[in-house]
Amino acid sequence: MTRFKLTLEYDGTTLLGWQRQLDGPSAQEYLEKAAFGFTGQEVEIMAAGRTDAGVHALGQVAHVDLDTKLNEYRLLQAFNAHLRQLEAPVAVLKIEVAPEGFHARFSAQGRGYIYRILNRAAPPIIDKNRVWWLPYKLDIEAMRQGAAYLLGHHDFSSFRAAACQAKSPLKTLDKLDIERLGEEIIFTVEARSFLHHQVRNMVGTLKQVGNGEIAPEEVKNILEKKDRSAAGPTAPACGLYLSKVVY
């Protein structure tokens, strides 16, 4: 039995998230079906993080234990061939033999997300379900000022979903960059780990800063209140991408 590390890409538009669900498709289900298709083995594939319904991945990482004589290249071909047969919105980008003791979730030292806002008058057509469309102009400098209060080690209860299962609301936010690229505003967010909906709740709050609903310094007050009702709305899942996992 060999443990393999998989780097994955998926479009979350039609998925109920990473984790296998009873009432609809998931990235995990598609990958496990693909593995069964060419090995005949019932396997459980573990990921670095459970993305929500509608959230995309550019660099999700997972691991799987397989009894196979196929090398990494042949495994990559087999996985993607069976995923295409399933018409899955999932691709395996890379397969490696995992180092001893490797676990996709527990070995991870950091995770990175990007969030895309399309900031123009016209709605998205090509990028429908892949960006948050906001047709009014956002003040990116004000958003950066507000974002600065979120960097570092804090109690992020104000940005935590009610259903979050994390043992502690204390997290260290290592990076929260905001840049405008043409008609898009891109958030780049990095930390060792995140609370449920933390990134989307931070983006939703900073959107309020960008459109003038609240002042940048109000973000500090929201953080200190440790109350989800004090923060802004949860940004839509369609703009969020798990971009990388660091080991």
C-alpha atoms as a PDB file:
ATOM      1  CA  MET A   1       0.000   0.000   0.000  1.00  0.00           C
ATOM      2  CA  THR A   2       1.418   3.371  -1.030  1.00  0.00           C
ATOM      3  CA  ARG A   3       0.264   6.825   0.006  1.00  0.00           C
ATOM      4  CA  PHE A   4       0.065   9.338  -2.844  1.00  0.00           C
ATOM      5  CA  LYS A   5      -0.182  13.114  -2.651  1.00  0.00           C
ATOM      6  CA  LEU A   6      -2.601  14.634  -5.174  1.00  0.00           C
ATOM      7  CA  THR A   7      -2.747  18.271  -6.254  1.00  0.00           C
ATOM      8  CA  LEU A   8      -6.200  19.119  -7.562  1.00  0.00           C
ATOM      9  CA  GLU A   9      -8.173  21.701  -9.458  1.00  0.00           C
ATOM     10  CA  TYR A  10     -11.957  21.920  -9.498  1.00  0.00           C
ATOM     11  CA  ASP A  11     -14.838  24.163 -10.449  1.00  0.00           C
ATOM     12  CA  GLY A  12     -17.132  24.232  -7.448  1.00  0.00           C
ATOM     13  CA  THR A  13     -20.159  25.641  -9.272  1.00  0.00           C
ATOM     14  CA  THR A  14     -22.071  22.342  -9.374  1.00  0.00           C
ATOM     15  CA  LEU A  15     -20.421  20.752  -6.346  1.00  0.00           C
ATOM     16  CA  LEU A  16     -21.678  20.654  -2.776  1.00  0.00           C
ATOM     17  CA  GLY A  17     -18.109  21.223  -1.670  1.00  0.00           C
ATOM     18  CA  TRP A  18     -15.158  18.940  -1.110  1.00  0.00           C
ATOM     19  CA  GLN A  19     -16.766  16.454   1.277  1.00  0.00           C
ATOM     20  CA  ARG A  20     -18.942  13.576   0.106  1.00  0.00           C
ATOM     21  CA  GLN A  21     -22.657  14.378   0.547  1.00  0.00           C
ATOM     22  CA  LEU A  22     -25.840  12.300   0.390  1.00  0.00           C
ATOM     23  CA  ASP A  23     -27.827  14.817  -1.654  1.00  0.00           C
ATOM     24  CA  GLY A  24     -25.457  15.860  -4.415  1.00  0.00           C
ATOM     25  CA  PRO A  25     -21.993  15.637  -6.014  1.00  0.00           C
ATOM     26  CA  SER A  26     -18.736  16.537  -4.322  1.00  0.00           C
ATOM     27  CA  ALA A  27     -15.093  16.627  -5.352  1.00  0.00           C
ATOM     28  CA  GLN A  28     -14.308  13.814  -2.912  1.00  0.00           C
ATOM     29  CA  GLU A  29     -17.020  11.571  -4.357  1.00  0.00           C
ATOM     30  CA  TYR A  30     -15.850  12.066  -7.936  1.00  0.00           C
ATOM     31  CA  LEU A  31     -12.239  11.281  -7.042  1.00  0.00           C
ATOM     32  CA  GLU A  32     -13.154   8.190  -5.049  1.00  0.00           C
ATOM     33  CA  LYS A  33     -15.336   6.928  -7.897  1.00  0.00           C
ATOM     34  CA  ALA A  34     -12.484   7.546 -10.329  1.00  0.00           C
ATOM     35  CA  ALA A  35     -10.062   5.599  -8.121  1.00  0.00           C
ATOM     36  CA  PHE A  36     -12.499   2.692  -7.894  1.00  0.00           C
ATOM     37  CA  GLY A  37     -12.904   2.754 -11.656  1.00  0.00           C
ATOM     38  CA  PHE A  38      -9.313   1.807 -12.373  1.00  0.00           C
ATOM     39  CA  THR A  39      -8.287  -0.025  -9.181  1.00  0.00           C
ATOM     40  CA  GLY A  40     -11.482  -1.703  -7.961  1.00  0.00           C
ATOM     41  CA  GLN A  41     -10.545  -0.442  -4.495  1.00  0.00           C
ATOM     42  CA  GLU A  42     -12.932   1.389  -2.153  1.00  0.00           C
ATOM     43  CA  VAL A  43     -10.783   4.255  -0.888  1.00  0.00           C
ATOM     44  CA  GLU A  44     -11.217   7.368   1.211  1.00  0.00           C
ATOM     45  CA  ILE A  45      -9.447  10.431  -0.147  1.00  0.00           C
ATOM     46  CA  MET A  46      -8.547  13.038   2.463  1.00  0.00           C
ATOM     47  CA  ALA A  47      -8.063  16.725   1.606  1.00  0.00           C
ATOM     48  CA  ALA A  48      -6.215  19.626   3.182  1.00  0.00           C
ATOM     49  CA  GLY A  49      -9.462  21.517   3.675  1.00  0.00           C
ATOM     50  CA  ARG A  50     -13.201  21.139   3.204  1.00  0.00           C
ATOM     51  CA  THR A  51     -14.235  23.767   0.705  1.00  0.00           C
ATOM     52  CA  ASP A  52     -17.907  24.777   0.779  1.00  0.00           C
ATOM     53  CA  ALA A  53     -20.500  24.400  -1.955  1.00  0.00           C
ATOM     54  CA  GLY A  54     -19.680  26.715  -4.847  1.00  0.00           C
ATOM     55  CA  VAL A  55     -16.066  27.307  -3.797  1.00  0.00           C
ATOM     56  CA  HIS A  56     -13.373  26.530  -6.362  1.00  0.00           C
ATOM     57  CA  ALA A  57      -9.863  25.119  -6.031  1.00  0.00           C
ATOM     58  CA  LEU A  58      -6.685  25.871  -7.948  1.00  0.00           C
ATOM     59  CA  GLY A  59      -4.352  23.971  -5.643  1.00  0.00           C
ATOM     60  CA  GLN A  60      -6.270  21.706  -3.292  1.00  0.00           C
ATOM     61  CA  VAL A  61      -4.131  18.886  -1.904  1.00  0.00           C
ATOM     62  CA  ALA A  62      -5.340  15.419  -0.954  1.00  0.00           C
ATOM     63  CA  HIS A  63      -3.897  12.009  -0.194  1.00  0.00           C
ATOM     64  CA  VAL A  64      -4.974   8.472  -1.009  1.00  0.00           C
ATOM     65  CA  ASP A  65      -3.632   5.029  -0.104  1.00  0.00           C
ATOM     66  CA  LEU A  66      -3.560   2.662  -3.074  1.00  0.00           C
ATOM     67  CA  ASP A  67      -2.325  -0.848  -3.719  1.00  0.00           C
ATOM     68  CA  THR A  68      -1.078  -0.360  -7.265  1.00  0.00           C
ATOM     69  CA  LYS A  69       1.879  -0.987  -9.555  1.00  0.00           C
ATOM     70  CA  LEU A  70       1.141   2.132 -11.585  1.00  0.00           C
ATOM     71  CA  ASN A  71       3.726   4.898 -11.375  1.00  0.00           C
ATOM     72  CA  GLU A  72       2.796   8.517 -10.708  1.00  0.00           C
ATOM     73  CA  TYR A  73       2.415   9.413 -14.403  1.00  0.00           C
ATOM     74  CA  ARG A  74       0.158   6.442 -15.152  1.00  0.00           C
ATOM     75  CA  LEU A  75      -1.898   7.198 -12.056  1.00  0.00           C
ATOM     76  CA  LEU A  76      -2.343  10.780 -13.215  1.00  0.00           C
ATOM     77  CA  GLN A  77      -3.553   9.556 -16.599  1.00  0.00           C
ATOM     78  CA  ALA A  78      -5.903   7.011 -15.030  1.00  0.00           C
ATOM     79  CA  PHE A  79      -7.453   9.451 -12.584  1.00  0.00           C
ATOM     80  CA  ASN A  80      -8.105  12.084 -15.234  1.00  0.00           C
ATOM     81  CA  ALA A  81      -9.426   9.579 -17.777  1.00  0.00           C
ATOM     82  CA  HIS A  82     -12.009   8.302 -15.291  1.00  0.00           C
ATOM     83  CA  LEU A  83     -12.875  11.806 -14.119  1.00  0.00           C
ATOM     84  CA  ARG A  84     -13.610  12.735 -17.738  1.00  0.00           C
ATOM     85  CA  GLN A  85     -15.834   9.674 -18.080  1.00  0.00           C
ATOM     86  CA  LEU A  86     -17.748  10.849 -15.015  1.00  0.00           C
ATOM     87  CA  GLU A  87     -17.963  14.366 -16.519  1.00  0.00           C
ATOM     88  CA  ALA A  88     -16.545  15.622 -13.244  1.00  0.00           C
ATOM     89  CA  PRO A  89     -15.490  19.282 -12.916  1.00  0.00           C
ATOM     90  CA  VAL A  90     -12.311  17.996 -11.259  1.00  0.00           C
ATOM     91  CA  ALA A  91      -8.766  17.416 -12.518  1.00  0.00           C
ATOM     92  CA  VAL A  92      -5.677  15.936 -10.898  1.00  0.00           C
ATOM     93  CA  LEU A  93      -2.792  18.263 -11.693  1.00  0.00           C
ATOM     94  CA  LYS A  94       0.023  16.318 -10.056  1.00  0.00           C
ATOM     95  CA  ILE A  95       0.621  13.026  -8.231  1.00  0.00           C
ATOM     96  CA  GLU A  96       3.626  12.268  -6.011  1.00  0.00           C
ATOM     97  CA  VAL A  97       4.533   9.480  -3.626  1.00  0.00           C
ATOM     98  CA  ALA A  98       3.884  11.075  -0.253  1.00  0.00           C
ATOM     99  CA  PRO A  99       6.696  11.349   2.291  1.00  0.00           C
ATOM    100  CA  GLU A 100       6.490   9.072   5.326  1.00  0.00           C
ATOM    101  CA  GLY A 101       3.856  10.236   7.812  1.00  0.00           C
ATOM    102  CA  PHE A 102       2.255  12.639   5.348  1.00  0.00           C
ATOM    103  CA  HIS A 103      -1.364  13.657   5.904  1.00  0.00           C
ATOM    104  CA  ALA A 104      -3.002  16.168   3.553  1.00  0.00           C
ATOM    105  CA  ARG A 105      -4.742  18.002   6.376  1.00  0.00           C
ATOM    106  CA  PHE A 106      -2.594  17.582   9.457  1.00  0.00           C
ATOM    107  CA  SER A 107       0.775  18.014   7.731  1.00  0.00           C
ATOM    108  CA  ALA A 108      -0.232  21.349   6.181  1.00  0.00           C
ATOM    109  CA  GLN A 109       1.687  24.378   7.456  1.00  0.00           C
ATOM    110  CA  GLY A 110      -0.349  27.006   5.650  1.00  0.00           C
ATOM    111  CA  ARG A 111      -3.213  27.642   3.256  1.00  0.00           C
ATOM    112  CA  GLY A 112      -3.799  30.334   0.692  1.00  0.00           C
ATOM    113  CA  TYR A 113      -7.019  31.646  -0.824  1.00  0.00           C
ATOM    114  CA  ILE A 114      -7.840  34.209  -3.441  1.00  0.00           C
ATOM    115  CA  TYR A 115     -11.142  36.016  -3.753  1.00  0.00           C
ATOM    116  CA  ARG A 116     -12.227  37.647  -7.020  1.00  0.00           C
ATOM    117  CA  ILE A 117     -14.568  40.621  -7.301  1.00  0.00           C
ATOM    118  CA  LEU A 118     -15.607  41.795 -10.755  1.00  0.00           C
ATOM    119  CA  ASN A 119     -15.991  45.535 -10.282  1.00  0.00           C
ATOM    120  CA  ARG A 120     -17.657  46.853 -13.437  1.00  0.00           C
ATOM    121  CA  ALA A 121     -21.086  47.934 -14.652  1.00  0.00           C
ATOM    122  CA  ALA A 122     -21.628  44.951 -16.958  1.00  0.00           C
ATOM    123  CA  PRO A 123     -22.376  41.530 -15.420  1.00  0.00           C
ATOM    124  CA  PRO A 124     -20.011  38.584 -15.934  1.00  0.00           C
ATOM    125  CA  ILE A 125     -20.682  36.232 -18.809  1.00  0.00           C
ATOM    126  CA  ILE A 126     -17.476  34.212 -19.262  1.00  0.00           C
ATOM    127  CA  ASP A 127     -16.780  34.321 -15.507  1.00  0.00           C
ATOM    128  CA  LYS A 128     -20.338  33.759 -14.327  1.00  0.00           C
ATOM    129  CA  ASN A 129     -20.252  31.739 -11.050  1.00  0.00           C
ATOM    130  CA  ARG A 130     -16.521  32.473 -10.746  1.00  0.00           C
ATOM    131  CA  VAL A 131     -16.540  36.042  -9.414  1.00  0.00           C
ATOM    132  CA  TRP A 132     -18.609  38.257  -7.144  1.00  0.00           C
ATOM    133  CA  TRP A 133     -20.066  40.935  -9.398  1.00  0.00           C
ATOM    134  CA  LEU A 134     -20.319  44.386  -7.824  1.00  0.00           C
ATOM    135  CA  PRO A 135     -21.376  47.035 -10.385  1.00  0.00           C
ATOM    136  CA  TYR A 136     -20.558  50.099  -8.244  1.00  0.00           C
ATOM    137  CA  LYS A 137     -16.997  51.362  -7.795  1.00  0.00           C
ATOM    138  CA  LEU A 138     -15.147  50.261  -4.682  1.00  0.00           C
ATOM    139  CA  ASP A 139     -12.469  52.332  -2.940  1.00  0.00           C
ATOM    140  CA  ILE A 140      -9.533  49.944  -2.904  1.00  0.00           C
ATOM    141  CA  GLU A 141      -7.323  52.183  -0.744  1.00  0.00           C
ATOM    142  CA  ALA A 142      -9.975  52.316   1.970  1.00  0.00           C
ATOM    143  CA  MET A 143     -10.327  48.533   1.785  1.00  0.00           C
ATOM    144  CA  ARG A 144      -6.562  48.135   2.242  1.00  0.00           C
ATOM    145  CA  GLN A 145      -6.678  50.396   5.297  1.00  0.00           C
ATOM    146  CA  GLY A 146      -9.449  48.287   6.796  1.00  0.00           C
ATOM    147  CA  ALA A 147      -7.667  45.037   5.947  1.00  0.00           C
ATOM    148  CA  ALA A 148      -4.568  46.115   7.862  1.00  0.00           C
ATOM    149  CA  TYR A 149      -6.466  45.764  11.158  1.00  0.00           C
ATOM    150  CA  LEU A 150      -7.051  42.066  10.453  1.00  0.00           C
ATOM    151  CA  LEU A 151      -3.413  41.064  10.029  1.00  0.00           C
ATOM    152  CA  GLY A 152      -1.742  39.189  12.861  1.00  0.00           C
ATOM    153  CA  HIS A 153      -3.012  37.061  15.745  1.00  0.00           C
ATOM    154  CA  HIS A 154      -6.587  37.802  16.819  1.00  0.00           C
ATOM    155  CA  ASP A 155      -9.845  36.362  18.060  1.00  0.00           C
ATOM    156  CA  PHE A 156     -11.788  36.219  14.770  1.00  0.00           C
ATOM    157  CA  SER A 157     -15.182  35.442  16.315  1.00  0.00           C
ATOM    158  CA  SER A 158     -16.713  38.362  14.411  1.00  0.00           C
ATOM    159  CA  PHE A 159     -15.796  36.620  11.154  1.00  0.00           C
ATOM    160  CA  ARG A 160     -16.690  33.079  12.180  1.00  0.00           C
ATOM    161  CA  ALA A 161     -19.693  31.139  10.872  1.00  0.00           C
ATOM    162  CA  ALA A 162     -22.171  29.898  13.456  1.00  0.00           C
ATOM    163  CA  ALA A 163     -21.591  26.321  12.280  1.00  0.00           C
ATOM    164  CA  CYS A 164     -17.788  26.555  12.655  1.00  0.00           C
ATOM    165  CA  GLN A 165     -16.363  23.508  14.405  1.00  0.00           C
ATOM    166  CA  ALA A 166     -12.927  24.948  15.207  1.00  0.00           C
ATOM    167  CA  LYS A 167     -11.934  24.556  18.858  1.00  0.00           C
ATOM    168  CA  SER A 168     -10.723  28.145  19.115  1.00  0.00           C
ATOM    169  CA  PRO A 169     -11.518  31.420  17.316  1.00  0.00           C
ATOM    170  CA  LEU A 170      -7.870  32.469  17.645  1.00  0.00           C
ATOM    171  CA  LYS A 171      -6.082  32.565  14.297  1.00  0.00           C
ATOM    172  CA  THR A 172      -3.035  34.289  12.828  1.00  0.00           C
ATOM    173  CA  LEU A 173      -3.629  36.028   9.516  1.00  0.00           C
ATOM    174  CA  ASP A 174      -0.289  36.216   7.715  1.00  0.00           C
ATOM    175  CA  LYS A 175      -1.354  37.975   4.524  1.00  0.00           C
ATOM    176  CA  LEU A 176      -4.323  39.979   3.263  1.00  0.00           C
ATOM    177  CA  ASP A 177      -3.378  41.812   0.077  1.00  0.00           C
ATOM    178  CA  ILE A 178      -5.865  43.626  -2.142  1.00  0.00           C
ATOM    179  CA  GLU A 179      -5.047  44.677  -5.681  1.00  0.00           C
ATOM    180  CA  ARG A 180      -6.937  45.889  -8.706  1.00  0.00           C
ATOM    181  CA  LEU A 181      -6.208  44.075 -11.962  1.00  0.00           C
ATOM    182  CA  GLY A 182      -8.183  45.707 -14.732  1.00  0.00           C
ATOM    183  CA  GLU A 183     -11.844  45.305 -13.865  1.00  0.00           C
ATOM    184  CA  GLU A 184     -11.150  42.850 -11.036  1.00  0.00           C
ATOM    185  CA  ILE A 185     -10.265  43.308  -7.385  1.00  0.00           C
ATOM    186  CA  ILE A 186      -8.249  40.366  -6.089  1.00  0.00           C
ATOM    187  CA  PHE A 187      -7.858  39.455  -2.405  1.00  0.00           C
ATOM    188  CA  THR A 188      -4.882  37.214  -1.566  1.00  0.00           C
ATOM    189  CA  VAL A 189      -5.235  35.697   1.904  1.00  0.00           C
ATOM    190  CA  GLU A 190      -2.842  33.364   3.735  1.00  0.00           C
ATOM    191  CA  ALA A 191      -2.762  31.747   7.178  1.00  0.00           C
ATOM    192  CA  ARG A 192      -1.912  28.416   8.756  1.00  0.00           C
ATOM    193  CA  SER A 193      -5.643  27.697   9.006  1.00  0.00           C
ATOM    194  CA  PHE A 194      -8.966  29.509   8.850  1.00  0.00           C
ATOM    195  CA  LEU A 195     -12.306  29.510  10.610  1.00  0.00           C
ATOM    196  CA  HIS A 196     -15.396  28.459   8.657  1.00  0.00           C
ATOM    197  CA  HIS A 197     -16.397  31.332   6.322  1.00  0.00           C
ATOM    198  CA  GLN A 198     -13.606  33.524   7.717  1.00  0.00           C
ATOM    199  CA  VAL A 199     -12.314  34.663   4.333  1.00  0.00           C
ATOM    200  CA  ARG A 200     -15.780  35.274   2.898  1.00  0.00           C
ATOM    201  CA  ASN A 201     -16.872  37.184   5.998  1.00  0.00           C
ATOM    202  CA  MET A 202     -13.761  39.370   5.908  1.00  0.00           C
ATOM    203  CA  VAL A 203     -14.308  40.110   2.210  1.00  0.00           C
ATOM    204  CA  GLY A 204     -17.969  40.936   2.847  1.00  0.00           C
ATOM    205  CA  THR A 205     -16.977  43.389   5.572  1.00  0.00           C
ATOM    206  CA  LEU A 206     -14.237  45.006   3.482  1.00  0.00           C
ATOM    207  CA  LYS A 207     -16.745  45.421   0.658  1.00  0.00           C
ATOM    208  CA  GLN A 208     -18.733  47.625   3.059  1.00  0.00           C
ATOM    209  CA  VAL A 209     -15.587  49.679   3.578  1.00  0.00           C
ATOM    210  CA  GLY A 210     -15.068  49.915  -0.169  1.00  0.00           C
ATOM    211  CA  ASN A 211     -18.560  51.221  -0.879  1.00  0.00           C
ATOM    212  CA  GLY A 212     -18.483  53.707   1.994  1.00  0.00           C
ATOM    213  CA  GLU A 213     -20.962  51.989   4.332  1.00  0.00           C
ATOM    214  CA  ILE A 214     -18.390  51.889   7.111  1.00  0.00           C
ATOM    215  CA  ALA A 215     -15.042  53.623   7.720  1.00  0.00           C
ATOM    216  CA  PRO A 216     -11.793  51.618   7.527  1.00  0.00           C
ATOM    217  CA  GLU A 217     -11.153  52.032  11.262  1.00  0.00           C
ATOM    218  CA  GLU A 218     -14.516  50.406  12.009  1.00  0.00           C
ATOM    219  CA  VAL A 219     -12.949  47.067  11.037  1.00  0.00           C
ATOM    220  CA  LYS A 220     -10.864  47.262  14.216  1.00  0.00           C
ATOM    221  CA  ASN A 221     -14.000  47.812  16.312  1.00  0.00           C
ATOM    222  CA  ILE A 222     -15.766  44.903  14.591  1.00  0.00           C
ATOM    223  CA  LEU A 223     -12.831  42.611  15.312  1.00  0.00           C
ATOM    224  CA  GLU A 224     -12.753  43.644  18.978  1.00  0.00           C
ATOM    225  CA  LYS A 225     -16.489  43.049  19.467  1.00  0.00           C
ATOM    226  CA  LYS A 226     -16.006  39.292  18.823  1.00  0.00           C
ATOM    227  CA  ASP A 227     -19.585  39.147  17.567  1.00  0.00           C
ATOM    228  CA  ARG A 228     -20.545  37.836  14.125  1.00  0.00           C
ATOM    229  CA  SER A 229     -23.525  40.196  13.949  1.00  0.00           C
ATOM    230  CA  ALA A 230     -21.144  43.174  14.087  1.00  0.00           C
ATOM    231  CA  ALA A 231     -19.433  42.268  10.807  1.00  0.00           C
ATOM    232  CA  GLY A 232     -20.613  42.494   7.213  1.00  0.00           C
ATOM    233  CA  PRO A 233     -22.344  39.915   5.023  1.00  0.00           C
ATOM    234  CA  THR A 234     -20.794  36.650   3.906  1.00  0.00           C
ATOM    235  CA  ALA A 235     -19.386  37.141   0.421  1.00  0.00           C
ATOM    236  CA  PRO A 236     -20.726  34.641  -2.154  1.00  0.00           C
ATOM    237  CA  ALA A 237     -18.920  31.326  -2.507  1.00  0.00           C
ATOM    238  CA  CYS A 238     -18.449  31.764  -6.258  1.00  0.00           C
ATOM    239  CA  GLY A 239     -15.594  34.253  -5.861  1.00  0.00           C
ATOM    240  CA  LEU A 240     -13.491  32.104  -3.528  1.00  0.00           C
ATOM    241  CA  TYR A 241     -10.637  29.824  -4.600  1.00  0.00           C
ATOM    242  CA  LEU A 242      -8.382  27.606  -2.496  1.00  0.00           C
ATOM    243  CA  SER A 243      -5.169  28.557  -4.270  1.00  0.00           C
ATOM    244  CA  LYS A 244      -2.471  26.638  -2.430  1.00  0.00           C
ATOM    245  CA  VAL A 245      -1.532  24.472   0.520  1.00  0.00           C
ATOM    246  CA  VAL A 246       1.945  24.775   2.038  1.00  0.00           C
ATOM    247  CA  TYR A 247       3.824  21.835   3.601  1.00  0.00           C
END
